[in-house]
Amino acid sequence: MRKRYTEVEEKLMKDISNNLKKILKEKGIIQRELAEKSGLSTSAISDYVNGNNLVSPGKLQMIADALNVSKGDIDPTYKSDFVVQEGGVSYGIEVKTKFNPFEIFELVDKYTDDEIIEKYHHQDDGGTLTEQQIRMHLQHVRFLKTQK
């Protein structure tokens, strides 16, 4: 039985799927070749390319390395200008932050979502993320922690 995903996770899987399809087409690589180059199974690659499963950060890095692209080229949450949209409408308020998605792995066990958002909301050191983007990262991290 497949895991049920949130609406945000489903959108992310669709974006990752579209990006992978585009990169594979541009590079003339088929899924089997990507599986061989990345060291992942063909079924895992197929799930990511078809938007059936959410890719973990480690596997995303393996895929990005095999394709010689950045993680942000595949997963838009790794881009600083990523905005969660539904029906063409952007959510959230902009916050200033040097946001490190991997730092969230440590924070989710210690703080509530609102406390983490407050932490980043009060930083003023360059990059911008919306509150919704931070919430999406938090959801993604909680999902990934269940996959260990």
N, C-alpha and C. Protein backbone atom coordinates (compact mmCIF):
# COMPACT_ATOMS: atom_id res chain seq x y z
N MET A 1 0.84 -1.18 0.00
CA MET A 1 0.00 0.00 0.00
C MET A 1 0.89 1.25 0.00
N ARG A 2 0.61 2.16 -0.89
CA ARG A 2 1.38 3.40 -0.99
C ARG A 2 0.96 4.39 0.09
N LYS A 3 1.93 5.19 0.51
CA LYS A 3 1.68 6.24 1.49
C LYS A 3 0.78 7.30 0.88
N ARG A 4 -0.08 7.88 1.70
CA ARG A 4 -0.89 9.01 1.25
C ARG A 4 -0.08 10.29 1.46
N TYR A 5 -0.05 11.11 0.45
CA TYR A 5 0.72 12.33 0.49
C TYR A 5 -0.19 13.54 0.68
N THR A 6 0.36 14.59 1.28
CA THR A 6 -0.38 15.84 1.41
C THR A 6 -0.47 16.51 0.05
N GLU A 7 -1.31 17.51 -0.06
CA GLU A 7 -1.44 18.25 -1.32
C GLU A 7 -0.12 18.91 -1.71
N VAL A 8 0.59 19.43 -0.72
CA VAL A 8 1.89 20.07 -0.99
C VAL A 8 2.90 19.04 -1.49
N GLU A 9 2.92 17.85 -0.87
CA GLU A 9 3.84 16.79 -1.30
C GLU A 9 3.50 16.32 -2.71
N GLU A 10 2.21 16.22 -3.01
CA GLU A 10 1.78 15.81 -4.36
C GLU A 10 2.25 16.82 -5.40
N LYS A 11 2.13 18.11 -5.08
CA LYS A 11 2.60 19.16 -5.99
C LYS A 11 4.10 19.05 -6.19
N LEU A 12 4.82 18.83 -5.09
CA LEU A 12 6.27 18.70 -5.18
C LEU A 12 6.65 17.50 -6.04
N MET A 13 5.99 16.37 -5.86
CA MET A 13 6.29 15.18 -6.67
C MET A 13 6.04 15.45 -8.15
N LYS A 14 4.98 16.20 -8.45
CA LYS A 14 4.68 16.53 -9.85
C LYS A 14 5.78 17.42 -10.42
N ASP A 15 6.22 18.42 -9.64
CA ASP A 15 7.29 19.30 -10.10
C ASP A 15 8.59 18.53 -10.33
N ILE A 16 8.93 17.65 -9.40
CA ILE A 16 10.14 16.83 -9.55
C ILE A 16 10.02 15.94 -10.79
N SER A 17 8.86 15.34 -10.96
CA SER A 17 8.61 14.49 -12.13
C SER A 17 8.83 15.27 -13.43
N ASN A 18 8.21 16.44 -13.51
CA ASN A 18 8.34 17.26 -14.73
C ASN A 18 9.79 17.65 -14.98
N ASN A 19 10.49 18.02 -13.91
CA ASN A 19 11.89 18.42 -14.06
C ASN A 19 12.76 17.25 -14.51
N LEU A 20 12.54 16.08 -13.91
CA LEU A 20 13.31 14.90 -14.32
C LEU A 20 13.06 14.55 -15.78
N LYS A 21 11.80 14.58 -16.19
CA LYS A 21 11.47 14.26 -17.59
C LYS A 21 12.18 15.23 -18.54
N LYS A 22 12.16 16.50 -18.19
CA LYS A 22 12.79 17.53 -19.03
C LYS A 22 14.30 17.30 -19.11
N ILE A 23 14.94 17.05 -17.98
CA ILE A 23 16.40 16.84 -17.96
C ILE A 23 16.77 15.58 -18.72
N LEU A 24 16.03 14.50 -18.51
CA LEU A 24 16.32 13.25 -19.21
C LEU A 24 16.20 13.45 -20.72
N LYS A 25 15.17 14.16 -21.14
CA LYS A 25 14.97 14.40 -22.58
C LYS A 25 16.12 15.25 -23.13
N GLU A 26 16.47 16.33 -22.40
CA GLU A 26 17.55 17.21 -22.87
C GLU A 26 18.88 16.48 -22.98
N LYS A 27 19.12 15.55 -22.09
CA LYS A 27 20.40 14.85 -22.06
C LYS A 27 20.37 13.54 -22.86
N GLY A 28 19.19 13.17 -23.37
CA GLY A 28 19.07 11.95 -24.15
C GLY A 28 19.32 10.69 -23.33
N ILE A 29 18.91 10.71 -22.07
CA ILE A 29 19.12 9.58 -21.16
C ILE A 29 17.78 8.92 -20.87
N ILE A 30 17.76 7.59 -20.85
CA ILE A 30 16.55 6.88 -20.49
C ILE A 30 16.63 6.49 -19.00
N GLN A 31 15.48 6.14 -18.43
CA GLN A 31 15.41 5.84 -17.01
C GLN A 31 16.38 4.74 -16.58
N ARG A 32 16.52 3.71 -17.39
CA ARG A 32 17.43 2.61 -17.05
C ARG A 32 18.87 3.10 -16.93
N GLU A 33 19.27 3.99 -17.84
CA GLU A 33 20.62 4.56 -17.77
C GLU A 33 20.81 5.40 -16.51
N LEU A 34 19.78 6.17 -16.17
CA LEU A 34 19.86 6.98 -14.95
C LEU A 34 19.98 6.08 -13.72
N ALA A 35 19.25 4.99 -13.71
CA ALA A 35 19.34 4.04 -12.60
C ALA A 35 20.77 3.50 -12.48
N GLU A 36 21.36 3.12 -13.60
CA GLU A 36 22.73 2.59 -13.58
C GLU A 36 23.72 3.65 -13.12
N LYS A 37 23.60 4.87 -13.62
CA LYS A 37 24.53 5.94 -13.26
C LYS A 37 24.40 6.37 -11.80
N SER A 38 23.17 6.34 -11.29
CA SER A 38 22.92 6.83 -9.93
C SER A 38 23.09 5.74 -8.87
N GLY A 39 23.00 4.46 -9.30
CA GLY A 39 23.07 3.37 -8.33
C GLY A 39 21.72 3.06 -7.69
N LEU A 40 20.67 3.68 -8.19
CA LEU A 40 19.32 3.42 -7.67
C LEU A 40 18.62 2.40 -8.56
N SER A 41 17.58 1.81 -8.03
CA SER A 41 16.84 0.81 -8.81
C SER A 41 16.03 1.48 -9.91
N THR A 42 15.76 0.73 -10.98
CA THR A 42 14.95 1.28 -12.06
C THR A 42 13.53 1.57 -11.57
N SER A 43 13.04 0.79 -10.62
CA SER A 43 11.69 1.05 -10.11
C SER A 43 11.64 2.34 -9.30
N ALA A 44 12.71 2.64 -8.55
CA ALA A 44 12.76 3.89 -7.79
C ALA A 44 12.80 5.07 -8.76
N ILE A 45 13.65 4.98 -9.77
CA ILE A 45 13.74 6.05 -10.77
C ILE A 45 12.39 6.24 -11.45
N SER A 46 11.75 5.15 -11.82
CA SER A 46 10.44 5.22 -12.46
C SER A 46 9.42 5.91 -11.55
N ASP A 47 9.45 5.59 -10.26
CA ASP A 47 8.53 6.24 -9.31
C ASP A 47 8.75 7.74 -9.26
N TYR A 48 10.02 8.18 -9.25
CA TYR A 48 10.31 9.62 -9.19
C TYR A 48 9.93 10.30 -10.50
N VAL A 49 10.27 9.68 -11.62
CA VAL A 49 9.98 10.27 -12.93
C VAL A 49 8.47 10.35 -13.17
N ASN A 50 7.73 9.40 -12.65
CA ASN A 50 6.28 9.38 -12.84
C ASN A 50 5.52 10.05 -11.72
N GLY A 51 6.23 10.62 -10.75
CA GLY A 51 5.58 11.35 -9.67
C GLY A 51 4.82 10.47 -8.70
N ASN A 52 5.30 9.24 -8.50
CA ASN A 52 4.61 8.31 -7.61
C ASN A 52 5.20 8.26 -6.21
N ASN A 53 6.38 8.85 -6.04
CA ASN A 53 7.06 8.77 -4.75
C ASN A 53 7.90 10.03 -4.56
N LEU A 54 8.04 10.43 -3.30
CA LEU A 54 8.84 11.61 -2.98
C LEU A 54 10.27 11.17 -2.73
N VAL A 55 11.21 11.83 -3.38
CA VAL A 55 12.62 11.46 -3.31
C VAL A 55 13.26 12.05 -2.05
N SER A 56 14.08 11.25 -1.38
CA SER A 56 14.78 11.72 -0.19
C SER A 56 15.96 12.59 -0.60
N PRO A 57 16.49 13.43 0.31
CA PRO A 57 17.63 14.28 -0.05
C PRO A 57 18.84 13.49 -0.52
N GLY A 58 19.13 12.36 0.11
CA GLY A 58 20.28 11.56 -0.29
C GLY A 58 20.13 11.00 -1.70
N LYS A 59 18.96 10.47 -1.99
CA LYS A 59 18.72 9.91 -3.33
C LYS A 59 18.64 11.02 -4.37
N LEU A 60 18.11 12.17 -3.97
CA LEU A 60 18.09 13.32 -4.88
C LEU A 60 19.51 13.70 -5.27
N GLN A 61 20.42 13.70 -4.30
CA GLN A 61 21.81 14.04 -4.59
C GLN A 61 22.43 13.01 -5.54
N MET A 62 22.11 11.73 -5.34
CA MET A 62 22.63 10.68 -6.23
C MET A 62 22.15 10.90 -7.66
N ILE A 63 20.88 11.27 -7.79
CA ILE A 63 20.31 11.52 -9.12
C ILE A 63 20.94 12.76 -9.74
N ALA A 64 21.05 13.83 -8.95
CA ALA A 64 21.64 15.07 -9.45
C ALA A 64 23.08 14.85 -9.91
N ASP A 65 23.84 14.10 -9.12
CA ASP A 65 25.22 13.80 -9.49
C ASP A 65 25.28 13.00 -10.80
N ALA A 66 24.40 12.02 -10.93
CA ALA A 66 24.39 11.18 -12.14
C ALA A 66 24.02 12.00 -13.38
N LEU A 67 23.18 13.02 -13.20
CA LEU A 67 22.76 13.86 -14.32
C LEU A 67 23.64 15.10 -14.50
N ASN A 68 24.57 15.29 -13.57
CA ASN A 68 25.45 16.46 -13.58
C ASN A 68 24.65 17.77 -13.56
N VAL A 69 23.67 17.81 -12.63
CA VAL A 69 22.86 19.01 -12.42
C VAL A 69 22.81 19.29 -10.91
N SER A 70 22.27 20.43 -10.53
CA SER A 70 22.11 20.72 -9.11
C SER A 70 20.81 20.10 -8.60
N LYS A 71 20.72 19.92 -7.29
CA LYS A 71 19.48 19.40 -6.71
C LYS A 71 18.32 20.34 -7.01
N GLY A 72 18.58 21.64 -7.04
CA GLY A 72 17.53 22.61 -7.34
C GLY A 72 16.99 22.51 -8.76
N ASP A 73 17.78 21.94 -9.67
CA ASP A 73 17.29 21.72 -11.04
C ASP A 73 16.22 20.63 -11.07
N ILE A 74 16.24 19.76 -10.07
CA ILE A 74 15.28 18.67 -9.99
C ILE A 74 14.17 18.99 -8.98
N ASP A 75 14.56 19.35 -7.78
CA ASP A 75 13.62 19.61 -6.68
C ASP A 75 13.58 21.11 -6.42
N PRO A 76 12.46 21.77 -6.73
CA PRO A 76 12.41 23.23 -6.61
C PRO A 76 12.54 23.74 -5.17
N THR A 77 12.37 22.88 -4.18
CA THR A 77 12.52 23.35 -2.79
C THR A 77 13.96 23.69 -2.46
N TYR A 78 14.90 23.28 -3.31
CA TYR A 78 16.31 23.61 -3.10
C TYR A 78 16.69 24.91 -3.80
N LYS A 79 15.72 25.60 -4.39
CA LYS A 79 15.98 26.90 -5.00
C LYS A 79 15.49 27.97 -4.05
N SER A 80 16.25 29.05 -3.90
CA SER A 80 15.88 30.10 -2.97
C SER A 80 14.66 30.89 -3.43
N ASP A 81 14.33 30.83 -4.72
CA ASP A 81 13.19 31.59 -5.22
C ASP A 81 11.93 30.74 -5.35
N PHE A 82 11.92 29.55 -4.75
CA PHE A 82 10.78 28.65 -4.84
C PHE A 82 9.57 29.23 -4.12
N VAL A 83 8.42 29.21 -4.75
CA VAL A 83 7.18 29.68 -4.14
C VAL A 83 6.12 28.61 -4.32
N VAL A 84 5.48 28.22 -3.23
CA VAL A 84 4.40 27.25 -3.30
C VAL A 84 3.18 27.95 -3.88
N GLN A 85 2.60 27.37 -4.92
CA GLN A 85 1.42 27.97 -5.53
C GLN A 85 0.32 26.95 -5.64
N GLU A 86 -0.90 27.42 -5.49
CA GLU A 86 -2.07 26.58 -5.71
C GLU A 86 -3.05 27.40 -6.52
N GLY A 87 -3.45 26.90 -7.65
CA GLY A 87 -4.35 27.65 -8.50
C GLY A 87 -3.77 28.98 -8.97
N GLY A 88 -2.43 29.04 -9.09
CA GLY A 88 -1.78 30.25 -9.57
C GLY A 88 -1.61 31.33 -8.52
N VAL A 89 -1.98 31.04 -7.26
CA VAL A 89 -1.89 32.05 -6.21
C VAL A 89 -0.76 31.67 -5.25
N SER A 90 0.11 32.63 -4.95
CA SER A 90 1.20 32.39 -4.01
C SER A 90 0.68 32.54 -2.59
N TYR A 91 1.19 31.71 -1.70
CA TYR A 91 0.82 31.77 -0.30
C TYR A 91 1.91 32.40 0.53
N GLY A 92 1.55 32.86 1.69
CA GLY A 92 2.51 33.21 2.72
C GLY A 92 3.07 34.61 2.62
N ILE A 93 3.84 34.95 3.65
CA ILE A 93 4.51 36.22 3.71
C ILE A 93 5.98 35.97 3.46
N GLU A 94 6.68 36.94 2.95
CA GLU A 94 8.10 36.75 2.73
C GLU A 94 8.86 36.92 4.03
N VAL A 95 9.84 36.09 4.21
CA VAL A 95 10.71 36.19 5.38
C VAL A 95 12.14 36.23 4.90
N LYS A 96 13.00 36.87 5.63
CA LYS A 96 14.43 36.93 5.28
C LYS A 96 15.14 35.82 6.02
N THR A 97 15.97 35.08 5.30
CA THR A 97 16.69 33.99 5.95
C THR A 97 17.81 33.45 5.07
N LYS A 98 18.83 32.92 5.70
CA LYS A 98 19.76 32.03 5.02
C LYS A 98 19.31 30.65 5.45
N PHE A 99 18.36 30.11 4.74
CA PHE A 99 17.66 28.90 5.13
C PHE A 99 18.47 27.68 4.72
N ASN A 100 18.77 26.83 5.68
CA ASN A 100 19.48 25.59 5.42
C ASN A 100 18.51 24.44 5.66
N PRO A 101 18.00 23.79 4.59
CA PRO A 101 17.02 22.73 4.77
C PRO A 101 17.51 21.60 5.69
N PHE A 102 18.82 21.35 5.71
CA PHE A 102 19.33 20.26 6.53
C PHE A 102 19.32 20.62 8.01
N GLU A 103 19.38 21.91 8.32
CA GLU A 103 19.28 22.35 9.72
C GLU A 103 17.91 21.97 10.29
N ILE A 104 16.91 21.94 9.43
CA ILE A 104 15.55 21.62 9.87
C ILE A 104 15.48 20.22 10.46
N PHE A 105 16.30 19.28 9.97
CA PHE A 105 16.30 17.93 10.52
C PHE A 105 16.52 17.95 12.02
N GLU A 106 17.39 18.85 12.47
CA GLU A 106 17.69 18.97 13.90
C GLU A 106 16.56 19.69 14.63
N LEU A 107 16.00 20.71 14.00
CA LEU A 107 15.04 21.58 14.67
C LEU A 107 13.67 20.94 14.87
N VAL A 108 13.23 20.08 13.94
CA VAL A 108 11.86 19.55 14.04
C VAL A 108 11.64 18.70 15.28
N ASP A 109 12.70 18.13 15.83
CA ASP A 109 12.56 17.32 17.04
C ASP A 109 12.55 18.17 18.31
N LYS A 110 12.96 19.43 18.19
CA LYS A 110 13.11 20.28 19.36
C LYS A 110 12.07 21.39 19.45
N TYR A 111 11.54 21.84 18.30
CA TYR A 111 10.68 23.02 18.27
C TYR A 111 9.41 22.76 17.48
N THR A 112 8.38 23.58 17.74
CA THR A 112 7.16 23.51 16.94
C THR A 112 7.40 24.22 15.62
N ASP A 113 6.51 23.97 14.65
CA ASP A 113 6.63 24.64 13.35
C ASP A 113 6.62 26.15 13.53
N ASP A 114 5.71 26.65 14.38
CA ASP A 114 5.62 28.10 14.57
C ASP A 114 6.89 28.67 15.17
N GLU A 115 7.54 27.94 16.08
CA GLU A 115 8.80 28.41 16.66
C GLU A 115 9.90 28.47 15.60
N ILE A 116 9.94 27.47 14.72
CA ILE A 116 10.95 27.45 13.65
C ILE A 116 10.71 28.60 12.68
N ILE A 117 9.45 28.80 12.30
CA ILE A 117 9.12 29.90 11.40
C ILE A 117 9.47 31.24 12.04
N GLU A 118 9.19 31.38 13.32
CA GLU A 118 9.53 32.61 14.03
C GLU A 118 11.04 32.85 14.02
N LYS A 119 11.82 31.77 14.20
CA LYS A 119 13.28 31.87 14.18
C LYS A 119 13.76 32.44 12.84
N TYR A 120 13.24 31.92 11.75
CA TYR A 120 13.67 32.37 10.44
C TYR A 120 13.06 33.71 10.07
N HIS A 121 11.88 33.98 10.58
CA HIS A 121 11.21 35.25 10.29
C HIS A 121 12.01 36.42 10.85
N HIS A 122 12.68 36.24 11.98
CA HIS A 122 13.41 37.32 12.61
C HIS A 122 14.85 37.47 12.12
N GLN A 123 15.31 36.54 11.31
CA GLN A 123 16.64 36.70 10.74
C GLN A 123 16.56 37.68 9.58
N ASP A 124 17.60 38.42 9.39
CA ASP A 124 17.65 39.37 8.27
C ASP A 124 19.02 39.29 7.63
N ASP A 125 19.26 38.17 6.95
CA ASP A 125 20.61 37.98 6.44
C ASP A 125 20.65 37.58 4.97
N GLY A 126 19.70 38.07 4.18
CA GLY A 126 19.91 37.91 2.75
C GLY A 126 18.79 37.29 1.96
N GLY A 127 18.65 35.96 2.01
CA GLY A 127 17.70 35.27 1.15
C GLY A 127 16.27 35.48 1.61
N THR A 128 15.32 35.11 0.78
CA THR A 128 13.92 35.22 1.17
C THR A 128 13.22 33.89 0.95
N LEU A 129 12.35 33.55 1.88
CA LEU A 129 11.45 32.41 1.75
C LEU A 129 10.10 32.84 2.29
N THR A 130 9.04 32.26 1.78
CA THR A 130 7.73 32.54 2.34
C THR A 130 7.51 31.63 3.55
N GLU A 131 6.57 32.02 4.38
CA GLU A 131 6.21 31.17 5.51
C GLU A 131 5.76 29.80 4.99
N GLN A 132 5.02 29.79 3.89
CA GLN A 132 4.54 28.53 3.30
C GLN A 132 5.71 27.66 2.84
N GLN A 133 6.75 28.27 2.31
CA GLN A 133 7.92 27.49 1.89
C GLN A 133 8.56 26.81 3.09
N ILE A 134 8.68 27.53 4.18
CA ILE A 134 9.27 26.93 5.38
C ILE A 134 8.38 25.79 5.87
N ARG A 135 7.07 26.01 5.86
CA ARG A 135 6.14 24.93 6.27
C ARG A 135 6.29 23.71 5.36
N MET A 136 6.49 23.96 4.07
CA MET A 136 6.66 22.85 3.13
C MET A 136 7.94 22.08 3.45
N HIS A 137 9.01 22.80 3.73
CA HIS A 137 10.25 22.13 4.13
C HIS A 137 10.03 21.29 5.37
N LEU A 138 9.30 21.83 6.32
CA LEU A 138 9.03 21.10 7.56
C LEU A 138 8.24 19.82 7.28
N GLN A 139 7.23 19.91 6.43
CA GLN A 139 6.46 18.72 6.05
C GLN A 139 7.36 17.69 5.38
N HIS A 140 8.20 18.15 4.47
CA HIS A 140 9.10 17.26 3.73
C HIS A 140 10.06 16.56 4.70
N VAL A 141 10.61 17.31 5.64
CA VAL A 141 11.54 16.72 6.62
C VAL A 141 10.82 15.69 7.48
N ARG A 142 9.62 16.01 7.93
CA ARG A 142 8.89 15.04 8.77
C ARG A 142 8.61 13.75 7.97
N PHE A 143 8.26 13.91 6.69
CA PHE A 143 8.06 12.74 5.84
C PHE A 143 9.35 11.92 5.75
N LEU A 144 10.46 12.60 5.48
CA LEU A 144 11.73 11.91 5.31
C LEU A 144 12.15 11.19 6.59
N LYS A 145 11.85 11.78 7.73
CA LYS A 145 12.21 11.14 9.01
C LYS A 145 11.43 9.84 9.20
N THR A 146 10.23 9.74 8.61
CA THR A 146 9.47 8.50 8.72
C THR A 146 10.00 7.42 7.80
N GLN A 147 10.84 7.81 6.83
CA GLN A 147 11.38 6.86 5.85
C GLN A 147 12.66 6.19 6.30
N LYS A 148 13.21 6.59 7.45
CA LYS A 148 14.49 6.02 7.93
C LYS A 148 14.36 4.58 8.27
